[in-house]
Amino acid sequence: MGADKASNYKVFKIALTGHRVSIRVSNHHANADKYLEHEANDFNLSIMVSKRYRKNTFRPHPDVVLTEYVYMGRQLENVESPYSQIAKSIAGFLETGKYVDTTGVVKVNVSP
């Protein structure tokens, strides 16, 4: 996806359904309004990973369907291979259109 900015967006097609989705990977909470600038689709996914705890600053938008999965703080230290598990969840999402967390420590934000 590239790592030139704090938030990186990319549009993918779900293998099973052919639906277009925007995926964002970042170290801070999403602002759903930004998806309007990055090809908002019928479904948009945000993955936030931060080593330290951050106050929830997620901002929904009435015209953007977005689910944000948040991984942060000390909870990640107690998960075996957390980044591999997150990567597998993203891969599963790209195949089926369903994101399934296997870490057990995720927090979820939803827009609208």
PDB file of N, CA and C in Angstrom:
ATOM      1  N   MET A   1       0.818  -1.198   0.000  1.00  0.00           N
ATOM      2  CA  MET A   1       0.000   0.000   0.000  1.00  0.00           C
ATOM      3  C   MET A   1       0.856   1.252   0.000  1.00  0.00           C
ATOM      4  N   GLY A   2       2.109   1.110   0.312  1.00  0.00           N
ATOM      5  CA  GLY A   2       2.969   2.284   0.399  1.00  0.00           C
ATOM      6  C   GLY A   2       3.015   2.770   1.836  1.00  0.00           C
ATOM      7  N   ALA A   3       4.062   3.456   2.175  1.00  0.00           N
ATOM      8  CA  ALA A   3       4.214   3.941   3.549  1.00  0.00           C
ATOM      9  C   ALA A   3       4.737   5.360   3.552  1.00  0.00           C
ATOM     10  N   ASP A   4       4.238   6.172   2.628  1.00  0.00           N
ATOM     11  CA  ASP A   4       4.756   7.527   2.511  1.00  0.00           C
ATOM     12  C   ASP A   4       4.029   8.535   3.385  1.00  0.00           C
ATOM     13  N   LYS A   5       2.905   8.143   3.989  1.00  0.00           N
ATOM     14  CA  LYS A   5       2.126   9.052   4.826  1.00  0.00           C
ATOM     15  C   LYS A   5       1.710   8.336   6.099  1.00  0.00           C
ATOM     16  N   ALA A   6       1.161   9.092   7.041  1.00  0.00           N
ATOM     17  CA  ALA A   6       0.687   8.492   8.296  1.00  0.00           C
ATOM     18  C   ALA A   6      -0.495   7.571   8.039  1.00  0.00           C
ATOM     19  N   SER A   7      -1.323   7.896   7.046  1.00  0.00           N
ATOM     20  CA  SER A   7      -2.443   7.047   6.657  1.00  0.00           C
ATOM     21  C   SER A   7      -2.282   6.682   5.196  1.00  0.00           C
ATOM     22  N   ASN A   8      -2.424   5.406   4.896  1.00  0.00           N
ATOM     23  CA  ASN A   8      -2.269   4.933   3.530  1.00  0.00           C
ATOM     24  C   ASN A   8      -3.558   4.266   3.078  1.00  0.00           C
ATOM     25  N   TYR A   9      -4.082   4.686   1.926  1.00  0.00           N
ATOM     26  CA  TYR A   9      -5.339   4.195   1.379  1.00  0.00           C
ATOM     27  C   TYR A   9      -5.071   3.426   0.094  1.00  0.00           C
ATOM     28  N   LYS A  10      -5.884   2.399  -0.143  1.00  0.00           N
ATOM     29  CA  LYS A  10      -5.780   1.642  -1.383  1.00  0.00           C
ATOM     30  C   LYS A  10      -7.146   1.036  -1.683  1.00  0.00           C
ATOM     31  N   VAL A  11      -7.512   0.972  -2.941  1.00  0.00           N
ATOM     32  CA  VAL A  11      -8.773   0.373  -3.352  1.00  0.00           C
ATOM     33  C   VAL A  11      -8.488  -1.042  -3.851  1.00  0.00           C
ATOM     34  N   PHE A  12      -9.299  -1.985  -3.376  1.00  0.00           N
ATOM     35  CA  PHE A  12      -9.173  -3.390  -3.755  1.00  0.00           C
ATOM     36  C   PHE A  12     -10.523  -3.918  -4.195  1.00  0.00           C
ATOM     37  N   LYS A  13     -10.502  -5.078  -4.851  1.00  0.00           N
ATOM     38  CA  LYS A  13     -11.735  -5.799  -5.163  1.00  0.00           C
ATOM     39  C   LYS A  13     -11.797  -7.045  -4.298  1.00  0.00           C
ATOM     40  N   ILE A  14     -12.970  -7.304  -3.725  1.00  0.00           N
ATOM     41  CA  ILE A  14     -13.180  -8.520  -2.950  1.00  0.00           C
ATOM     42  C   ILE A  14     -13.263  -9.688  -3.933  1.00  0.00           C
ATOM     43  N   ALA A  15     -12.436 -10.699  -3.752  1.00  0.00           N
ATOM     44  CA  ALA A  15     -12.363 -11.813  -4.696  1.00  0.00           C
ATOM     45  C   ALA A  15     -13.708 -12.512  -4.869  1.00  0.00           C
ATOM     46  N   LEU A  16     -14.403 -12.772  -3.779  1.00  0.00           N
ATOM     47  CA  LEU A  16     -15.652 -13.548  -3.824  1.00  0.00           C
ATOM     48  C   LEU A  16     -16.808 -12.779  -4.453  1.00  0.00           C
ATOM     49  N   THR A  17     -16.897 -11.480  -4.187  1.00  0.00           N
ATOM     50  CA  THR A  17     -18.063 -10.700  -4.628  1.00  0.00           C
ATOM     51  C   THR A  17     -17.763  -9.718  -5.751  1.00  0.00           C
ATOM     52  N   GLY A  18     -16.517  -9.327  -5.911  1.00  0.00           N
ATOM     53  CA  GLY A  18     -16.156  -8.323  -6.904  1.00  0.00           C
ATOM     54  C   GLY A  18     -16.404  -6.902  -6.449  1.00  0.00           C
ATOM     55  N   HIS A  19     -16.889  -6.691  -5.217  1.00  0.00           N
ATOM     56  CA  HIS A  19     -17.124  -5.347  -4.704  1.00  0.00           C
ATOM     57  C   HIS A  19     -15.805  -4.610  -4.512  1.00  0.00           C
ATOM     58  N   ARG A  20     -15.830  -3.311  -4.786  1.00  0.00           N
ATOM     59  CA  ARG A  20     -14.663  -2.458  -4.550  1.00  0.00           C
ATOM     60  C   ARG A  20     -14.716  -1.963  -3.111  1.00  0.00           C
ATOM     61  N   VAL A  21     -13.564  -1.994  -2.449  1.00  0.00           N
ATOM     62  CA  VAL A  21     -13.465  -1.512  -1.076  1.00  0.00           C
ATOM     63  C   VAL A  21     -12.211  -0.657  -0.932  1.00  0.00           C
ATOM     64  N   SER A  22     -12.315   0.328  -0.077  1.00  0.00           N
ATOM     65  CA  SER A  22     -11.143   1.125   0.280  1.00  0.00           C
ATOM     66  C   SER A  22     -10.620   0.614   1.604  1.00  0.00           C
ATOM     67  N   ILE A  23      -9.318   0.405   1.676  1.00  0.00           N
ATOM     68  CA  ILE A  23      -8.690  -0.010   2.927  1.00  0.00           C
ATOM     69  C   ILE A  23      -7.681   1.059   3.315  1.00  0.00           C
ATOM     70  N   ARG A  24      -7.714   1.412   4.590  1.00  0.00           N
ATOM     71  CA  ARG A  24      -6.786   2.399   5.145  1.00  0.00           C
ATOM     72  C   ARG A  24      -6.020   1.730   6.271  1.00  0.00           C
ATOM     73  N   VAL A  25      -4.714   1.923   6.303  1.00  0.00           N
ATOM     74  CA  VAL A  25      -3.883   1.439   7.403  1.00  0.00           C
ATOM     75  C   VAL A  25      -3.173   2.651   7.993  1.00  0.00           C
ATOM     76  N   SER A  26      -3.249   2.782   9.329  1.00  0.00           N
ATOM     77  CA  SER A  26      -2.694   3.965   9.962  1.00  0.00           C
ATOM     78  C   SER A  26      -2.350   3.690  11.417  1.00  0.00           C
ATOM     79  N   ASN A  27      -1.708   4.687  12.041  1.00  0.00           N
ATOM     80  CA  ASN A  27      -1.403   4.587  13.465  1.00  0.00           C
ATOM     81  C   ASN A  27      -2.286   5.525  14.279  1.00  0.00           C
ATOM     82  N   HIS A  28      -3.330   6.079  13.645  1.00  0.00           N
ATOM     83  CA  HIS A  28      -4.272   6.938  14.360  1.00  0.00           C
ATOM     84  C   HIS A  28      -5.688   6.695  13.832  1.00  0.00           C
ATOM     85  N   HIS A  29      -6.678   7.146  14.577  1.00  0.00           N
ATOM     86  CA  HIS A  29      -8.079   6.911  14.234  1.00  0.00           C
ATOM     87  C   HIS A  29      -8.461   7.591  12.921  1.00  0.00           C
ATOM     88  N   ALA A  30      -9.484   7.016  12.289  1.00  0.00           N
ATOM     89  CA  ALA A  30      -9.945   7.519  10.996  1.00  0.00           C
ATOM     90  C   ALA A  30     -10.909   8.686  11.134  1.00  0.00           C
ATOM     91  N   ASN A  31     -10.919   9.496  10.095  1.00  0.00           N
ATOM     92  CA  ASN A  31     -11.918  10.524   9.879  1.00  0.00           C
ATOM     93  C   ASN A  31     -12.645  10.067   8.617  1.00  0.00           C
ATOM     94  N   ALA A  32     -13.883   9.604   8.750  1.00  0.00           N
ATOM     95  CA  ALA A  32     -14.607   9.038   7.613  1.00  0.00           C
ATOM     96  C   ALA A  32     -14.720  10.018   6.457  1.00  0.00           C
ATOM     97  N   ASP A  33     -14.714  11.296   6.734  1.00  0.00           N
ATOM     98  CA  ASP A  33     -14.768  12.333   5.710  1.00  0.00           C
ATOM     99  C   ASP A  33     -13.628  12.188   4.700  1.00  0.00           C
ATOM    100  N   LYS A  34     -12.464  11.727   5.147  1.00  0.00           N
ATOM    101  CA  LYS A  34     -11.299  11.563   4.265  1.00  0.00           C
ATOM    102  C   LYS A  34     -11.534  10.520   3.175  1.00  0.00           C
ATOM    103  N   TYR A  35     -12.445   9.570   3.418  1.00  0.00           N
ATOM    104  CA  TYR A  35     -12.721   8.549   2.404  1.00  0.00           C
ATOM    105  C   TYR A  35     -13.367   9.153   1.169  1.00  0.00           C
ATOM    106  N   LEU A  36     -14.004  10.294   1.321  1.00  0.00           N
ATOM    107  CA  LEU A  36     -14.587  10.974   0.163  1.00  0.00           C
ATOM    108  C   LEU A  36     -13.490  11.448  -0.783  1.00  0.00           C
ATOM    109  N   GLU A  37     -12.295  11.693  -0.259  1.00  0.00           N
ATOM    110  CA  GLU A  37     -11.150  12.104  -1.067  1.00  0.00           C
ATOM    111  C   GLU A  37     -10.402  10.908  -1.650  1.00  0.00           C
ATOM    112  N   HIS A  38     -10.607   9.714  -1.082  1.00  0.00           N
ATOM    113  CA  HIS A  38      -9.843   8.518  -1.477  1.00  0.00           C
ATOM    114  C   HIS A  38     -10.763   7.425  -2.011  1.00  0.00           C
ATOM    115  N   GLU A  39     -11.637   7.777  -2.939  1.00  0.00           N
ATOM    116  CA  GLU A  39     -12.526   6.810  -3.575  1.00  0.00           C
ATOM    117  C   GLU A  39     -13.359   6.016  -2.578  1.00  0.00           C
ATOM    118  N   ALA A  40     -14.222   6.678  -1.842  1.00  0.00           N
ATOM    119  CA  ALA A  40     -15.125   5.965  -0.940  1.00  0.00           C
ATOM    120  C   ALA A  40     -15.958   4.977  -1.747  1.00  0.00           C
ATOM    121  N   ASN A  41     -16.112   3.788  -1.235  1.00  0.00           N
ATOM    122  CA  ASN A  41     -16.861   2.735  -1.902  1.00  0.00           C
ATOM    123  C   ASN A  41     -18.051   2.334  -1.037  1.00  0.00           C
ATOM    124  N   ASP A  42     -18.748   1.286  -1.470  1.00  0.00           N
ATOM    125  CA  ASP A  42     -19.895   0.815  -0.695  1.00  0.00           C
ATOM    126  C   ASP A  42     -19.473   0.366   0.693  1.00  0.00           C
ATOM    127  N   PHE A  43     -18.249  -0.102   0.818  1.00  0.00           N
ATOM    128  CA  PHE A  43     -17.726  -0.498   2.119  1.00  0.00           C
ATOM    129  C   PHE A  43     -16.288  -0.026   2.201  1.00  0.00           C
ATOM    130  N   ASN A  44     -15.915   0.482   3.356  1.00  0.00           N
ATOM    131  CA  ASN A  44     -14.566   0.976   3.579  1.00  0.00           C
ATOM    132  C   ASN A  44     -14.053   0.413   4.892  1.00  0.00           C
ATOM    133  N   LEU A  45     -12.792   0.086   4.925  1.00  0.00           N
ATOM    134  CA  LEU A  45     -12.173  -0.560   6.076  1.00  0.00           C
ATOM    135  C   LEU A  45     -10.975   0.253   6.535  1.00  0.00           C
ATOM    136  N   SER A  46     -10.869   0.429   7.850  1.00  0.00           N
ATOM    137  CA  SER A  46      -9.703   1.094   8.425  1.00  0.00           C
ATOM    138  C   SER A  46      -9.090   0.156   9.456  1.00  0.00           C
ATOM    139  N   ILE A  47      -7.772   0.023   9.407  1.00  0.00           N
ATOM    140  CA  ILE A  47      -7.031  -0.748  10.390  1.00  0.00           C
ATOM    141  C   ILE A  47      -6.090   0.228  11.083  1.00  0.00           C
ATOM    142  N   MET A  48      -6.262   0.382  12.383  1.00  0.00           N
ATOM    143  CA  MET A  48      -5.389   1.261  13.155  1.00  0.00           C
ATOM    144  C   MET A  48      -4.548   0.395  14.087  1.00  0.00           C
ATOM    145  N   VAL A  49      -3.238   0.576  14.026  1.00  0.00           N
ATOM    146  CA  VAL A  49      -2.332  -0.152  14.913  1.00  0.00           C
ATOM    147  C   VAL A  49      -1.424   0.878  15.578  1.00  0.00           C
ATOM    148  N   SER A  50      -1.414   0.874  16.906  1.00  0.00           N
ATOM    149  CA  SER A  50      -0.578   1.811  17.654  1.00  0.00           C
ATOM    150  C   SER A  50       0.007   1.084  18.856  1.00  0.00           C
ATOM    151  N   LYS A  51       1.292   1.266  19.086  1.00  0.00           N
ATOM    152  CA  LYS A  51       1.934   0.612  20.228  1.00  0.00           C
ATOM    153  C   LYS A  51       1.500   1.225  21.549  1.00  0.00           C
ATOM    154  N   ARG A  52       1.062   2.479  21.504  1.00  0.00           N
ATOM    155  CA  ARG A  52       0.623   3.106  22.747  1.00  0.00           C
ATOM    156  C   ARG A  52      -0.865   3.430  22.655  1.00  0.00           C
ATOM    157  N   TYR A  53      -1.483   3.589  23.819  1.00  0.00           N
ATOM    158  CA  TYR A  53      -2.902   3.913  23.878  1.00  0.00           C
ATOM    159  C   TYR A  53      -3.132   5.320  23.339  1.00  0.00           C
ATOM    160  N   ARG A  54      -4.187   5.487  22.560  1.00  0.00           N
ATOM    161  CA  ARG A  54      -4.577   6.804  22.050  1.00  0.00           C
ATOM    162  C   ARG A  54      -6.054   7.029  22.358  1.00  0.00           C
ATOM    163  N   LYS A  55      -6.398   8.250  22.688  1.00  0.00           N
ATOM    164  CA  LYS A  55      -7.791   8.629  22.879  1.00  0.00           C
ATOM    165  C   LYS A  55      -8.548   8.391  21.570  1.00  0.00           C
ATOM    166  N   ASN A  56      -9.788   7.905  21.661  1.00  0.00           N
ATOM    167  CA  ASN A  56     -10.577   7.628  20.462  1.00  0.00           C
ATOM    168  C   ASN A  56     -11.024   8.937  19.819  1.00  0.00           C
ATOM    169  N   THR A  57     -10.453   9.246  18.656  1.00  0.00           N
ATOM    170  CA  THR A  57     -10.806  10.458  17.919  1.00  0.00           C
ATOM    171  C   THR A  57     -11.489  10.126  16.593  1.00  0.00           C
ATOM    172  N   PHE A  58     -12.010   8.895  16.465  1.00  0.00           N
ATOM    173  CA  PHE A  58     -12.725   8.466  15.266  1.00  0.00           C
ATOM    174  C   PHE A  58     -13.871   9.430  14.975  1.00  0.00           C
ATOM    175  N   ARG A  59     -13.999   9.822  13.687  1.00  0.00           N
ATOM    176  CA  ARG A  59     -15.086  10.712  13.293  1.00  0.00           C
ATOM    177  C   ARG A  59     -15.904  10.074  12.171  1.00  0.00           C
ATOM    178  N   PRO A  60     -17.169   9.745  12.455  1.00  0.00           N
ATOM    179  CA  PRO A  60     -18.034   9.182  11.417  1.00  0.00           C
ATOM    180  C   PRO A  60     -18.491  10.262  10.430  1.00  0.00           C
ATOM    181  N   HIS A  61     -19.048   9.817   9.315  1.00  0.00           N
ATOM    182  CA  HIS A  61     -19.618  10.717   8.320  1.00  0.00           C
ATOM    183  C   HIS A  61     -20.907  10.069   7.821  1.00  0.00           C
ATOM    184  N   PRO A  62     -21.994  10.831   7.691  1.00  0.00           N
ATOM    185  CA  PRO A  62     -23.277  10.228   7.323  1.00  0.00           C
ATOM    186  C   PRO A  62     -23.298   9.573   5.943  1.00  0.00           C
ATOM    187  N   ASP A  63     -22.369   9.937   5.058  1.00  0.00           N
ATOM    188  CA  ASP A  63     -22.363   9.383   3.705  1.00  0.00           C
ATOM    189  C   ASP A  63     -21.291   8.329   3.469  1.00  0.00           C
ATOM    190  N   VAL A  64     -20.580   7.929   4.511  1.00  0.00           N
ATOM    191  CA  VAL A  64     -19.485   6.971   4.342  1.00  0.00           C
ATOM    192  C   VAL A  64     -19.697   5.763   5.253  1.00  0.00           C
ATOM    193  N   VAL A  65     -19.805   4.592   4.632  1.00  0.00           N
ATOM    194  CA  VAL A  65     -19.886   3.340   5.386  1.00  0.00           C
ATOM    195  C   VAL A  65     -18.454   2.904   5.677  1.00  0.00           C
ATOM    196  N   LEU A  66     -18.092   2.907   6.950  1.00  0.00           N
ATOM    197  CA  LEU A  66     -16.712   2.625   7.352  1.00  0.00           C
ATOM    198  C   LEU A  66     -16.697   1.840   8.651  1.00  0.00           C
ATOM    199  N   THR A  67     -15.908   0.796   8.684  1.00  0.00           N
ATOM    200  CA  THR A  67     -15.648   0.082   9.928  1.00  0.00           C
ATOM    201  C   THR A  67     -14.161   0.179  10.204  1.00  0.00           C
ATOM    202  N   GLU A  68     -13.839   0.610  11.418  1.00  0.00           N
ATOM    203  CA  GLU A  68     -12.440   0.740  11.818  1.00  0.00           C
ATOM    204  C   GLU A  68     -12.135  -0.279  12.907  1.00  0.00           C
ATOM    205  N   TYR A  69     -11.089  -1.067  12.690  1.00  0.00           N
ATOM    206  CA  TYR A  69     -10.609  -2.042  13.664  1.00  0.00           C
ATOM    207  C   TYR A  69      -9.363  -1.451  14.311  1.00  0.00           C
ATOM    208  N   VAL A  70      -9.415  -1.319  15.631  1.00  0.00           N
ATOM    209  CA  VAL A  70      -8.370  -0.611  16.366  1.00  0.00           C
ATOM    210  C   VAL A  70      -7.596  -1.587  17.252  1.00  0.00           C
ATOM    211  N   TYR A  71      -6.285  -1.618  17.058  1.00  0.00           N
ATOM    212  CA  TYR A  71      -5.377  -2.442  17.852  1.00  0.00           C
ATOM    213  C   TYR A  71      -4.379  -1.500  18.497  1.00  0.00           C
ATOM    214  N   MET A  72      -4.341  -1.460  19.832  1.00  0.00           N
ATOM    215  CA  MET A  72      -3.376  -0.552  20.445  1.00  0.00           C
ATOM    216  C   MET A  72      -3.034  -0.923  21.868  1.00  0.00           C
ATOM    217  N   GLY A  73      -1.932  -0.326  22.284  1.00  0.00           N
ATOM    218  CA  GLY A  73      -1.516  -0.419  23.665  1.00  0.00           C
ATOM    219  C   GLY A  73      -0.973  -1.773  24.072  1.00  0.00           C
ATOM    220  N   ARG A  74      -0.986  -1.985  25.344  1.00  0.00           N
ATOM    221  CA  ARG A  74      -0.408  -3.189  25.932  1.00  0.00           C
ATOM    222  C   ARG A  74      -1.141  -4.471  25.551  1.00  0.00           C
ATOM    223  N   GLN A  75      -2.381  -4.342  25.109  1.00  0.00           N
ATOM    224  CA  GLN A  75      -3.118  -5.552  24.718  1.00  0.00           C
ATOM    225  C   GLN A  75      -2.385  -6.328  23.635  1.00  0.00           C
ATOM    226  N   LEU A  76      -1.732  -5.621  22.719  1.00  0.00           N
ATOM    227  CA  LEU A  76      -1.002  -6.298  21.650  1.00  0.00           C
ATOM    228  C   LEU A  76       0.165  -7.122  22.172  1.00  0.00           C
ATOM    229  N   GLU A  77       0.738  -6.713  23.305  1.00  0.00           N
ATOM    230  CA  GLU A  77       1.883  -7.433  23.868  1.00  0.00           C
ATOM    231  C   GLU A  77       1.499  -8.837  24.322  1.00  0.00           C
ATOM    232  N   ASN A  78       0.233  -9.051  24.610  1.00  0.00           N
ATOM    233  CA  ASN A  78      -0.236 -10.354  25.095  1.00  0.00           C
ATOM    234  C   ASN A  78      -0.769 -11.252  23.986  1.00  0.00           C
ATOM    235  N   VAL A  79      -0.646 -10.820  22.750  1.00  0.00           N
ATOM    236  CA  VAL A  79      -1.150 -11.584  21.611  1.00  0.00           C
ATOM    237  C   VAL A  79       0.020 -12.216  20.875  1.00  0.00           C
ATOM    238  N   GLU A  80      -0.092 -13.487  20.579  1.00  0.00           N
ATOM    239  CA  GLU A  80       0.957 -14.174  19.830  1.00  0.00           C
ATOM    240  C   GLU A  80       0.914 -13.734  18.369  1.00  0.00           C
ATOM    241  N   SER A  81       2.016 -13.248  17.855  1.00  0.00           N
ATOM    242  CA  SER A  81       2.147 -12.790  16.465  1.00  0.00           C
ATOM    243  C   SER A  81       0.990 -11.880  16.045  1.00  0.00           C
ATOM    244  N   PRO A  82       0.787 -10.760  16.752  1.00  0.00           N
ATOM    245  CA  PRO A  82      -0.388  -9.932  16.455  1.00  0.00           C
ATOM    246  C   PRO A  82      -0.406  -9.380  15.033  1.00  0.00           C
ATOM    247  N   TYR A  83       0.744  -8.992  14.500  1.00  0.00           N
ATOM    248  CA  TYR A  83       0.758  -8.412  13.158  1.00  0.00           C
ATOM    249  C   TYR A  83       0.458  -9.466  12.094  1.00  0.00           C
ATOM    250  N   SER A  84       0.910 -10.681  12.319  1.00  0.00           N
ATOM    251  CA  SER A  84       0.572 -11.768  11.402  1.00  0.00           C
ATOM    252  C   SER A  84      -0.924 -12.051  11.441  1.00  0.00           C
ATOM    253  N   GLN A  85      -1.506 -12.012  12.631  1.00  0.00           N
ATOM    254  CA  GLN A  85      -2.940 -12.249  12.752  1.00  0.00           C
ATOM    255  C   GLN A  85      -3.740 -11.141  12.059  1.00  0.00           C
ATOM    256  N   ILE A  86      -3.309  -9.900  12.224  1.00  0.00           N
ATOM    257  CA  ILE A  86      -3.990  -8.785  11.566  1.00  0.00           C
ATOM    258  C   ILE A  86      -3.873  -8.932  10.047  1.00  0.00           C
ATOM    259  N   ALA A  87      -2.684  -9.274   9.566  1.00  0.00           N
ATOM    260  CA  ALA A  87      -2.481  -9.460   8.124  1.00  0.00           C
ATOM    261  C   ALA A  87      -3.375 -10.578   7.587  1.00  0.00           C
ATOM    262  N   LYS A  88      -3.507 -11.670   8.327  1.00  0.00           N
ATOM    263  CA  LYS A  88      -4.387 -12.765   7.894  1.00  0.00           C
ATOM    264  C   LYS A  88      -5.846 -12.327   7.873  1.00  0.00           C
ATOM    265  N   SER A  89      -6.235 -11.489   8.833  1.00  0.00           N
ATOM    266  CA  SER A  89      -7.610 -10.977   8.853  1.00  0.00           C
ATOM    267  C   SER A  89      -7.869 -10.105   7.632  1.00  0.00           C
ATOM    268  N   ILE A  90      -6.890  -9.280   7.254  1.00  0.00           N
ATOM    269  CA  ILE A  90      -7.028  -8.449   6.057  1.00  0.00           C
ATOM    270  C   ILE A  90      -7.102  -9.328   4.812  1.00  0.00           C
ATOM    271  N   ALA A  91      -6.253 -10.341   4.726  1.00  0.00           N
ATOM    272  CA  ALA A  91      -6.276 -11.249   3.576  1.00  0.00           C
ATOM    273  C   ALA A  91      -7.626 -11.954   3.478  1.00  0.00           C
ATOM    274  N   GLY A  92      -8.153 -12.396   4.601  1.00  0.00           N
ATOM    275  CA  GLY A  92      -9.473 -13.032   4.607  1.00  0.00           C
ATOM    276  C   GLY A  92     -10.557 -12.071   4.150  1.00  0.00           C
ATOM    277  N   PHE A  93     -10.443 -10.813   4.567  1.00  0.00           N
ATOM    278  CA  PHE A  93     -11.393  -9.789   4.137  1.00  0.00           C
ATOM    279  C   PHE A  93     -11.340  -9.609   2.621  1.00  0.00           C
ATOM    280  N   LEU A  94     -10.140  -9.580   2.066  1.00  0.00           N
ATOM    281  CA  LEU A  94     -10.002  -9.396   0.623  1.00  0.00           C
ATOM    282  C   LEU A  94     -10.553 -10.576  -0.167  1.00  0.00           C
ATOM    283  N   GLU A  95     -10.595 -11.739   0.430  1.00  0.00           N
ATOM    284  CA  GLU A  95     -11.161 -12.913  -0.234  1.00  0.00           C
ATOM    285  C   GLU A  95     -12.676 -12.969  -0.103  1.00  0.00           C
ATOM    286  N   THR A  96     -13.186 -12.680   1.100  1.00  0.00           N
ATOM    287  CA  THR A  96     -14.602 -12.941   1.388  1.00  0.00           C
ATOM    288  C   THR A  96     -15.453 -11.698   1.607  1.00  0.00           C
ATOM    289  N   GLY A  97     -14.821 -10.568   1.950  1.00  0.00           N
ATOM    290  CA  GLY A  97     -15.581  -9.366   2.285  1.00  0.00           C
ATOM    291  C   GLY A  97     -15.953  -9.291   3.752  1.00  0.00           C
ATOM    292  N   LYS A  98     -15.505 -10.257   4.552  1.00  0.00           N
ATOM    293  CA  LYS A  98     -15.774 -10.261   5.991  1.00  0.00           C
ATOM    294  C   LYS A  98     -14.446 -10.205   6.747  1.00  0.00           C
ATOM    295  N   TYR A  99     -14.338  -9.238   7.648  1.00  0.00           N
ATOM    296  CA  TYR A  99     -13.143  -9.103   8.463  1.00  0.00           C
ATOM    297  C   TYR A  99     -13.382  -9.867   9.760  1.00  0.00           C
ATOM    298  N   VAL A 100     -12.535 -10.830  10.045  1.00  0.00           N
ATOM    299  CA  VAL A 100     -12.656 -11.629  11.258  1.00  0.00           C
ATOM    300  C   VAL A 100     -11.393 -11.431  12.081  1.00  0.00           C
ATOM    301  N   ASP A 101     -11.544 -10.795  13.249  1.00  0.00           N
ATOM    302  CA  ASP A 101     -10.415 -10.581  14.148  1.00  0.00           C
ATOM    303  C   ASP A 101     -10.111 -11.865  14.903  1.00  0.00           C
ATOM    304  N   THR A 102      -8.845 -12.231  14.955  1.00  0.00           N
ATOM    305  CA  THR A 102      -8.443 -13.430  15.704  1.00  0.00           C
ATOM    306  C   THR A 102      -7.589 -13.089  16.918  1.00  0.00           C
ATOM    307  N   THR A 103      -7.324 -11.803  17.139  1.00  0.00           N
ATOM    308  CA  THR A 103      -6.475 -11.421  18.271  1.00  0.00           C
ATOM    309  C   THR A 103      -7.247 -11.383  19.579  1.00  0.00           C
ATOM    310  N   GLY A 104      -8.520 -11.048  19.514  1.00  0.00           N
ATOM    311  CA  GLY A 104      -9.329 -10.933  20.716  1.00  0.00           C
ATOM    312  C   GLY A 104      -9.165  -9.616  21.455  1.00  0.00           C
ATOM    313  N   VAL A 105      -8.393  -8.669  20.909  1.00  0.00           N
ATOM    314  CA  VAL A 105      -8.170  -7.401  21.601  1.00  0.00           C
ATOM    315  C   VAL A 105      -8.638  -6.189  20.784  1.00  0.00           C
ATOM    316  N   VAL A 106      -9.306  -6.406  19.700  1.00  0.00           N
ATOM    317  CA  VAL A 106      -9.720  -5.316  18.811  1.00  0.00           C
ATOM    318  C   VAL A 106     -10.867  -4.504  19.420  1.00  0.00           C
ATOM    319  N   LYS A 107     -10.844  -3.207  19.140  1.00  0.00           N
ATOM    320  CA  LYS A 107     -11.964  -2.304  19.404  1.00  0.00           C
ATOM    321  C   LYS A 107     -12.491  -1.892  18.036  1.00  0.00           C
ATOM    322  N   VAL A 108     -13.790  -1.659  17.922  1.00  0.00           N
ATOM    323  CA  VAL A 108     -14.382  -1.360  16.623  1.00  0.00           C
ATOM    324  C   VAL A 108     -15.124  -0.022  16.656  1.00  0.00           C
ATOM    325  N   ASN A 109     -14.879   0.789  15.625  1.00  0.00           N
ATOM    326  CA  ASN A 109     -15.620   2.030  15.391  1.00  0.00           C
ATOM    327  C   ASN A 109     -16.371   1.894  14.076  1.00  0.00           C
ATOM    328  N   VAL A 110     -17.586   2.468  14.017  1.00  0.00           N
ATOM    329  CA  VAL A 110     -18.421   2.310  12.830  1.00  0.00           C
ATOM    330  C   VAL A 110     -18.991   3.666  12.393  1.00  0.00           C
ATOM    331  N   SER A 111     -19.042   3.877  11.078  1.00  0.00           N
ATOM    332  CA  SER A 111     -19.672   5.055  10.480  1.00  0.00           C
ATOM    333  C   SER A 111     -20.672   4.571   9.442  1.00  0.00           C
ATOM    334  N   PRO A 112     -21.831   5.125   9.260  1.00  0.00           N
ATOM    335  CA  PRO A 112     -22.337   6.277   9.993  1.00  0.00           C
ATOM    336  C   PRO A 112     -22.815   5.922  11.370  1.00  0.00           C
TER     337      PRO A 112
END
